[in-house]
PDB file of N, CA and C in Angstrom:
ATOM      1  N   UNK A   1     -70.652 -12.653  66.613  1.00  0.00           N
ATOM      2  CA  UNK A   1     -69.366 -12.481  66.618  1.00  0.00           C
ATOM      3  C   UNK A   1     -68.838 -11.165  66.928  1.00  0.00           C
ATOM      4  N   UNK A   2     -67.876 -10.752  67.688  1.00  0.00           N
ATOM      5  CA  UNK A   2     -67.533  -9.527  68.213  1.00  0.00           C
ATOM      6  C   UNK A   2     -65.899  -9.407  67.386  1.00  0.00           C
ATOM      7  N   UNK A   3     -65.368  -8.376  67.156  1.00  0.00           N
ATOM      8  CA  UNK A   3     -64.455  -8.214  66.000  1.00  0.00           C
ATOM      9  C   UNK A   3     -63.632  -6.933  66.856  1.00  0.00           C
ATOM     10  N   UNK A   4     -62.243  -6.725  67.479  1.00  0.00           N
ATOM     11  CA  UNK A   4     -61.651  -5.488  67.826  1.00  0.00           C
ATOM     12  C   UNK A   4     -61.136  -4.893  66.474  1.00  0.00           C
ATOM     13  N   UNK A   5     -61.621  -3.676  65.988  1.00  0.00           N
ATOM     14  CA  UNK A   5     -60.727  -3.269  64.917  1.00  0.00           C
ATOM     15  C   UNK A   5     -60.374  -1.819  65.510  1.00  0.00           C
ATOM     16  N   UNK A   6     -59.451  -1.342  65.003  1.00  0.00           N
ATOM     17  CA  UNK A   6     -59.067   0.295  65.409  1.00  0.00           C
ATOM     18  C   UNK A   6     -59.828   1.450  65.104  1.00  0.00           C
ATOM     19  N   UNK A   7     -60.421   1.273  63.293  1.00  0.00           N
ATOM     20  CA  UNK A   7     -61.341   2.114  63.322  1.00  0.00           C
ATOM     21  C   UNK A   7     -63.141   1.708  62.847  1.00  0.00           C
ATOM     22  N   UNK A   8     -63.697   1.340  63.545  1.00  0.00           N
ATOM     23  CA  UNK A   8     -65.096   0.698  63.134  1.00  0.00           C
ATOM     24  C   UNK A   8     -65.917   0.917  61.440  1.00  0.00           C
ATOM     25  N   UNK A   9     -66.215   1.801  62.214  1.00  0.00           N
ATOM     26  CA  UNK A   9     -66.688   3.032  60.635  1.00  0.00           C
ATOM     27  C   UNK A   9     -65.993   2.797  59.634  1.00  0.00           C
ATOM     28  N   UNK A  10     -64.451   3.138  59.559  1.00  0.00           N
ATOM     29  CA  UNK A  10     -64.084   2.626  58.311  1.00  0.00           C
ATOM     30  C   UNK A  10     -63.838   0.977  57.598  1.00  0.00           C
ATOM     31  N   UNK A  11     -63.923   0.017  58.535  1.00  0.00           N
ATOM     32  CA  UNK A  11     -64.165  -1.516  58.423  1.00  0.00           C
ATOM     33  C   UNK A  11     -65.511  -1.464  57.732  1.00  0.00           C
ATOM     34  N   UNK A  12     -66.472  -1.254  58.504  1.00  0.00           N
ATOM     35  CA  UNK A  12     -67.967  -1.005  57.827  1.00  0.00           C
ATOM     36  C   UNK A  12     -68.126  -1.029  56.309  1.00  0.00           C
ATOM     37  N   UNK A  13     -67.569   0.711  56.333  1.00  0.00           N
ATOM     38  CA  UNK A  13     -67.368   1.292  54.428  1.00  0.00           C
ATOM     39  C   UNK A  13     -66.251   0.406  53.773  1.00  0.00           C
ATOM     40  N   UNK A  14     -65.298  -0.457  54.689  1.00  0.00           N
ATOM     41  CA  UNK A  14     -64.673  -1.692  53.687  1.00  0.00           C
ATOM     42  C   UNK A  14     -65.286  -2.186  53.039  1.00  0.00           C
ATOM     43  N   UNK A  15     -65.874  -3.094  53.729  1.00  0.00           N
ATOM     44  CA  UNK A  15     -66.956  -3.781  53.646  1.00  0.00           C
ATOM     45  C   UNK A  15     -68.072  -3.751  53.013  1.00  0.00           C
ATOM     46  N   UNK A  16     -68.437  -2.375  53.079  1.00  0.00           N
ATOM     47  CA  UNK A  16     -69.833  -2.274  51.906  1.00  0.00           C
ATOM     48  C   UNK A  16     -69.204  -2.409  50.681  1.00  0.00           C
ATOM     49  N   UNK A  17     -67.851  -1.873  50.042  1.00  0.00           N
ATOM     50  CA  UNK A  17     -67.133  -1.874  48.886  1.00  0.00           C
ATOM     51  C   UNK A  17     -67.062  -3.243  48.381  1.00  0.00           C
ATOM     52  N   UNK A  18     -66.504  -3.816  49.166  1.00  0.00           N
ATOM     53  CA  UNK A  18     -65.951  -5.139  49.104  1.00  0.00           C
ATOM     54  C   UNK A  18     -67.483  -5.789  48.552  1.00  0.00           C
ATOM     55  N   UNK A  19     -68.474  -5.700  49.403  1.00  0.00           N
ATOM     56  CA  UNK A  19     -69.923  -6.727  48.657  1.00  0.00           C
ATOM     57  C   UNK A  19     -70.836  -5.578  47.462  1.00  0.00           C
ATOM     58  N   UNK A  20     -70.132  -4.427  47.657  1.00  0.00           N
ATOM     59  CA  UNK A  20     -70.856  -3.861  46.473  1.00  0.00           C
ATOM     60  C   UNK A  20     -71.681  -3.992  45.548  1.00  0.00           C
ATOM     61  N   UNK A  21     -73.093  -4.016  45.156  1.00  0.00           N
ATOM     62  CA  UNK A  21     -73.670  -4.832  43.932  1.00  0.00           C
ATOM     63  C   UNK A  21     -73.727  -6.344  44.373  1.00  0.00           C
ATOM     64  N   UNK A  22     -73.883  -6.768  45.096  1.00  0.00           N
ATOM     65  CA  UNK A  22     -73.994  -8.526  45.542  1.00  0.00           C
ATOM     66  C   UNK A  22     -75.061  -8.444  45.820  1.00  0.00           C
ATOM     67  N   UNK A  23     -75.987  -7.744  46.464  1.00  0.00           N
ATOM     68  CA  UNK A  23     -76.941  -8.217  47.320  1.00  0.00           C
ATOM     69  C   UNK A  23     -77.287  -6.879  47.117  1.00  0.00           C
ATOM     70  N   UNK A  24     -78.917  -7.177  48.281  1.00  0.00           N
ATOM     71  CA  UNK A  24     -79.538  -5.758  49.028  1.00  0.00           C
ATOM     72  C   UNK A  24     -79.066  -5.314  49.693  1.00  0.00           C
ATOM     73  N   UNK A  25     -79.027  -4.085  49.803  1.00  0.00           N
ATOM     74  CA  UNK A  25     -77.971  -3.429  50.776  1.00  0.00           C
ATOM     75  C   UNK A  25     -79.087  -2.582  51.956  1.00  0.00           C
ATOM     76  N   UNK A  26     -78.707  -2.675  53.331  1.00  0.00           N
ATOM     77  CA  UNK A  26     -79.229  -1.382  54.095  1.00  0.00           C
ATOM     78  C   UNK A  26     -78.713  -0.747  54.718  1.00  0.00           C
ATOM     79  N   UNK A  27     -78.527   0.850  55.189  1.00  0.00           N
ATOM     80  CA  UNK A  27     -77.015   1.097  55.870  1.00  0.00           C
ATOM     81  C   UNK A  27     -77.665   1.644  57.131  1.00  0.00           C
ATOM     82  N   UNK A  28     -79.102   0.668  57.486  1.00  0.00           N
ATOM     83  CA  UNK A  28     -79.427   1.215  58.872  1.00  0.00           C
ATOM     84  C   UNK A  28     -79.083   0.220  60.362  1.00  0.00           C
ATOM     85  N   UNK A  29     -78.342   0.793  60.865  1.00  0.00           N
ATOM     86  CA  UNK A  29     -77.645   0.239  62.078  1.00  0.00           C
ATOM     87  C   UNK A  29     -76.225  -0.485  61.846  1.00  0.00           C
ATOM     88  N   UNK A  30     -75.243   0.113  60.820  1.00  0.00           N
ATOM     89  CA  UNK A  30     -74.153  -0.199  60.576  1.00  0.00           C
ATOM     90  C   UNK A  30     -74.865  -0.802  58.922  1.00  0.00           C
ATOM     91  N   UNK A  31     -74.131  -1.810  58.667  1.00  0.00           N
ATOM     92  CA  UNK A  31     -74.527  -2.710  56.912  1.00  0.00           C
ATOM     93  C   UNK A  31     -75.583  -3.778  57.188  1.00  0.00           C
ATOM     94  N   UNK A  32     -76.111  -4.171  56.398  1.00  0.00           N
ATOM     95  CA  UNK A  32     -76.842  -5.116  56.600  1.00  0.00           C
ATOM     96  C   UNK A  32     -77.092  -5.478  54.849  1.00  0.00           C
ATOM     97  N   UNK A  33     -76.538  -6.482  54.739  1.00  0.00           N
ATOM     98  CA  UNK A  33     -76.353  -7.143  53.102  1.00  0.00           C
ATOM     99  C   UNK A  33     -77.203  -8.544  53.070  1.00  0.00           C
ATOM    100  N   UNK A  34     -77.890  -8.618  52.352  1.00  0.00           N
ATOM    101  CA  UNK A  34     -79.018  -9.572  51.665  1.00  0.00           C
ATOM    102  C   UNK A  34     -78.399 -10.686  50.681  1.00  0.00           C
ATOM    103  N   UNK A  35     -78.790 -11.789  50.835  1.00  0.00           N
ATOM    104  CA  UNK A  35     -78.638 -12.495  49.455  1.00  0.00           C
ATOM    105  C   UNK A  35     -79.462 -13.664  49.122  1.00  0.00           C
ATOM    106  N   UNK A  36     -79.865 -14.190  48.340  1.00  0.00           N
ATOM    107  CA  UNK A  36     -80.723 -15.419  48.075  1.00  0.00           C
ATOM    108  C   UNK A  36     -80.886 -16.188  49.608  1.00  0.00           C
ATOM    109  N   UNK A  37     -79.640 -17.020  49.924  1.00  0.00           N
ATOM    110  CA  UNK A  37     -79.628 -17.717  50.743  1.00  0.00           C
ATOM    111  C   UNK A  37     -78.822 -17.438  51.967  1.00  0.00           C
ATOM    112  N   UNK A  38     -78.287 -16.168  51.701  1.00  0.00           N
ATOM    113  CA  UNK A  38     -77.581 -15.954  53.306  1.00  0.00           C
ATOM    114  C   UNK A  38     -78.003 -14.114  53.572  1.00  0.00           C
ATOM    115  N   UNK A  39     -77.566 -14.096  55.027  1.00  0.00           N
ATOM    116  CA  UNK A  39     -77.381 -12.149  55.086  1.00  0.00           C
ATOM    117  C   UNK A  39     -76.538 -12.210  56.352  1.00  0.00           C
ATOM    118  N   UNK A  40     -76.106 -10.582  56.036  1.00  0.00           N
ATOM    119  CA  UNK A  40     -74.940 -10.501  57.077  1.00  0.00           C
ATOM    120  C   UNK A  40     -75.546  -9.082  58.025  1.00  0.00           C
ATOM    121  N   UNK A  41     -75.312  -8.976  59.247  1.00  0.00           N
ATOM    122  CA  UNK A  41     -75.806  -7.402  59.446  1.00  0.00           C
ATOM    123  C   UNK A  41     -73.928  -7.269  60.230  1.00  0.00           C
ATOM    124  N   UNK A  42     -73.338  -5.779  59.884  1.00  0.00           N
ATOM    125  CA  UNK A  42     -72.070  -5.603  60.586  1.00  0.00           C
ATOM    126  C   UNK A  42     -71.749  -3.985  61.206  1.00  0.00           C
ATOM    127  N   UNK A  43     -71.965  -4.235  62.326  1.00  0.00           N
ATOM    128  CA  UNK A  43     -72.208  -2.338  62.919  1.00  0.00           C
ATOM    129  C   UNK A  43     -71.439  -2.431  63.800  1.00  0.00           C
ATOM    130  N   UNK A  44     -71.401  -1.387  64.464  1.00  0.00           N
ATOM    131  CA  UNK A  44     -70.086  -0.863  65.839  1.00  0.00           C
ATOM    132  C   UNK A  44     -71.141  -1.247  66.572  1.00  0.00           C
ATOM    133  N   UNK A  45     -70.498  -1.233  67.903  1.00  0.00           N
ATOM    134  CA  UNK A  45     -71.001  -1.339  69.065  1.00  0.00           C
ATOM    135  C   UNK A  45     -71.258   0.453  69.851  1.00  0.00           C
ATOM    136  N   UNK A  46     -72.362   0.083  70.444  1.00  0.00           N
ATOM    137  CA  UNK A  46     -71.885   1.846  70.760  1.00  0.00           C
ATOM    138  C   UNK A  46     -71.882   1.954  72.535  1.00  0.00           C
ATOM    139  N   UNK A  47     -71.392   0.531  72.869  1.00  0.00           N
ATOM    140  CA  UNK A  47     -70.020   0.757  74.134  1.00  0.00           C
ATOM    141  C   UNK A  47     -69.244   0.113  74.392  1.00  0.00           C
ATOM    142  N   UNK A  48     -68.552  -0.285  72.666  1.00  0.00           N
ATOM    143  CA  UNK A  48     -67.173  -0.840  73.309  1.00  0.00           C
ATOM    144  C   UNK A  48     -66.464  -0.491  71.835  1.00  0.00           C
ATOM    145  N   UNK A  49     -65.094  -0.911  71.470  1.00  0.00           N
ATOM    146  CA  UNK A  49     -64.301  -0.562  70.254  1.00  0.00           C
ATOM    147  C   UNK A  49     -64.471  -1.506  69.978  1.00  0.00           C
ATOM    148  N   UNK A  50     -65.732  -2.465  69.318  1.00  0.00           N
ATOM    149  CA  UNK A  50     -65.837  -3.321  68.528  1.00  0.00           C
ATOM    150  C   UNK A  50     -67.000  -3.472  67.220  1.00  0.00           C
ATOM    151  N   UNK A  51     -66.394  -4.131  66.646  1.00  0.00           N
ATOM    152  CA  UNK A  51     -68.239  -4.926  65.303  1.00  0.00           C
ATOM    153  C   UNK A  51     -68.826  -5.954  66.292  1.00  0.00           C
ATOM    154  N   UNK A  52     -69.563  -5.989  65.845  1.00  0.00           N
ATOM    155  CA  UNK A  52     -70.569  -7.335  65.773  1.00  0.00           C
ATOM    156  C   UNK A  52     -71.117  -7.421  64.473  1.00  0.00           C
ATOM    157  N   UNK A  53     -70.734  -8.916  64.352  1.00  0.00           N
ATOM    158  CA  UNK A  53     -71.445  -9.866  63.069  1.00  0.00           C
ATOM    159  C   UNK A  53     -72.524 -10.443  63.633  1.00  0.00           C
ATOM    160  N   UNK A  54     -73.132 -10.292  62.620  1.00  0.00           N
ATOM    161  CA  UNK A  54     -74.604 -11.041  62.909  1.00  0.00           C
ATOM    162  C   UNK A  54     -74.823 -11.970  61.372  1.00  0.00           C
ATOM    163  N   UNK A  55     -75.231 -13.163  61.442  1.00  0.00           N
ATOM    164  CA  UNK A  55     -74.616 -13.767  59.885  1.00  0.00           C
ATOM    165  C   UNK A  55     -75.988 -14.903  60.097  1.00  0.00           C
ATOM    166  N   UNK A  56     -76.711 -15.369  59.211  1.00  0.00           N
ATOM    167  CA  UNK A  56     -77.378 -16.245  59.064  1.00  0.00           C
ATOM    168  C   UNK A  56     -77.342 -16.982  57.170  1.00  0.00           C
ATOM    169  N   UNK A  57     -77.677 -18.522  57.092  1.00  0.00           N
ATOM    170  CA  UNK A  57     -77.434 -18.786  55.993  1.00  0.00           C
ATOM    171  C   UNK A  57     -78.145 -19.965  56.043  1.00  0.00           C
ATOM    172  N   UNK A  58     -78.536 -20.874  54.954  1.00  0.00           N
ATOM    173  CA  UNK A  58     -79.485 -21.651  54.702  1.00  0.00           C
ATOM    174  C   UNK A  58     -79.142 -23.103  55.235  1.00  0.00           C
ATOM    175  N   UNK A  59     -77.619 -23.406  55.542  1.00  0.00           N
ATOM    176  CA  UNK A  59     -77.142 -24.377  55.691  1.00  0.00           C
ATOM    177  C   UNK A  59     -75.817 -24.143  56.747  1.00  0.00           C
ATOM    178  N   UNK A  60     -75.509 -24.668  57.660  1.00  0.00           N
ATOM    179  CA  UNK A  60     -74.623 -24.444  58.807  1.00  0.00           C
ATOM    180  C   UNK A  60     -73.573 -24.702  57.713  1.00  0.00           C
ATOM    181  N   UNK A  61     -73.113 -25.234  56.966  1.00  0.00           N
ATOM    182  CA  UNK A  61     -71.662 -25.087  55.849  1.00  0.00           C
ATOM    183  C   UNK A  61     -71.638 -23.663  55.282  1.00  0.00           C
ATOM    184  N   UNK A  62     -72.592 -23.674  54.766  1.00  0.00           N
ATOM    185  CA  UNK A  62     -72.685 -22.211  54.511  1.00  0.00           C
ATOM    186  C   UNK A  62     -72.399 -20.838  55.054  1.00  0.00           C
ATOM    187  N   UNK A  63     -72.819 -21.107  56.930  1.00  0.00           N
ATOM    188  CA  UNK A  63     -72.706 -19.956  57.243  1.00  0.00           C
ATOM    189  C   UNK A  63     -71.751 -19.997  57.585  1.00  0.00           C
ATOM    190  N   UNK A  64     -70.797 -21.094  57.851  1.00  0.00           N
ATOM    191  CA  UNK A  64     -69.186 -21.262  57.963  1.00  0.00           C
ATOM    192  C   UNK A  64     -68.248 -20.882  57.413  1.00  0.00           C
ATOM    193  N   UNK A  65     -68.814 -20.672  56.111  1.00  0.00           N
ATOM    194  CA  UNK A  65     -67.810 -20.234  54.407  1.00  0.00           C
ATOM    195  C   UNK A  65     -67.845 -19.213  54.820  1.00  0.00           C
ATOM    196  N   UNK A  66     -68.921 -18.162  54.946  1.00  0.00           N
ATOM    197  CA  UNK A  66     -69.305 -16.957  54.982  1.00  0.00           C
ATOM    198  C   UNK A  66     -68.690 -16.057  56.042  1.00  0.00           C
ATOM    199  N   UNK A  67     -68.706 -16.918  57.374  1.00  0.00           N
ATOM    200  CA  UNK A  67     -68.121 -16.600  58.334  1.00  0.00           C
ATOM    201  C   UNK A  67     -67.100 -15.973  58.508  1.00  0.00           C
ATOM    202  N   UNK A  68     -65.925 -17.429  57.821  1.00  0.00           N
ATOM    203  CA  UNK A  68     -64.828 -16.983  57.294  1.00  0.00           C
ATOM    204  C   UNK A  68     -64.452 -15.984  56.603  1.00  0.00           C
ATOM    205  N   UNK A  69     -65.039 -15.932  55.637  1.00  0.00           N
ATOM    206  CA  UNK A  69     -64.997 -14.995  54.440  1.00  0.00           C
ATOM    207  C   UNK A  69     -64.667 -13.871  55.079  1.00  0.00           C
ATOM    208  N   UNK A  70     -65.791 -13.257  56.165  1.00  0.00           N
ATOM    209  CA  UNK A  70     -66.018 -12.401  56.489  1.00  0.00           C
ATOM    210  C   UNK A  70     -64.840 -11.828  57.502  1.00  0.00           C
ATOM    211  N   UNK A  71     -64.836 -12.849  58.628  1.00  0.00           N
ATOM    212  CA  UNK A  71     -63.376 -12.756  59.063  1.00  0.00           C
ATOM    213  C   UNK A  71     -62.308 -12.160  58.785  1.00  0.00           C
ATOM    214  N   UNK A  72     -62.028 -12.807  57.514  1.00  0.00           N
ATOM    215  CA  UNK A  72     -61.048 -12.707  56.761  1.00  0.00           C
ATOM    216  C   UNK A  72     -60.730 -11.027  56.319  1.00  0.00           C
ATOM    217  N   UNK A  73     -62.301 -10.600  55.676  1.00  0.00           N
ATOM    218  CA  UNK A  73     -61.766  -9.385  55.706  1.00  0.00           C
ATOM    219  C   UNK A  73     -61.649  -8.297  56.132  1.00  0.00           C
ATOM    220  N   UNK A  74     -62.448  -9.224  57.456  1.00  0.00           N
ATOM    221  CA  UNK A  74     -62.485  -7.309  58.999  1.00  0.00           C
ATOM    222  C   UNK A  74     -61.289  -8.072  59.565  1.00  0.00           C
ATOM    223  N   UNK A  75     -60.474  -8.578  59.051  1.00  0.00           N
ATOM    224  CA  UNK A  75     -58.981  -9.021  59.836  1.00  0.00           C
ATOM    225  C   UNK A  75     -58.765  -9.459  61.013  1.00  0.00           C
ATOM    226  N   UNK A  76     -59.211 -10.747  61.319  1.00  0.00           N
ATOM    227  CA  UNK A  76     -59.783 -11.357  62.227  1.00  0.00           C
ATOM    228  C   UNK A  76     -58.926 -12.425  62.224  1.00  0.00           C
TER     229      UNK A  76
END
């Protein structure tokens, strides 16, 4: 999912702070946070002023819930 934001790097840092201490964090290629039953990766596009969100969860309902939560934090 692509999101247009004014400052992708600052938004990644904001999301990282919002989820600090809640899952296993990797800062390779943006931020990836893994939880017991879902994960997400948020990274800046190399060619466009966009953030790209990839997310997986064990159920479609959980995926939609987490997607909505992240979209709200990103400001979409």
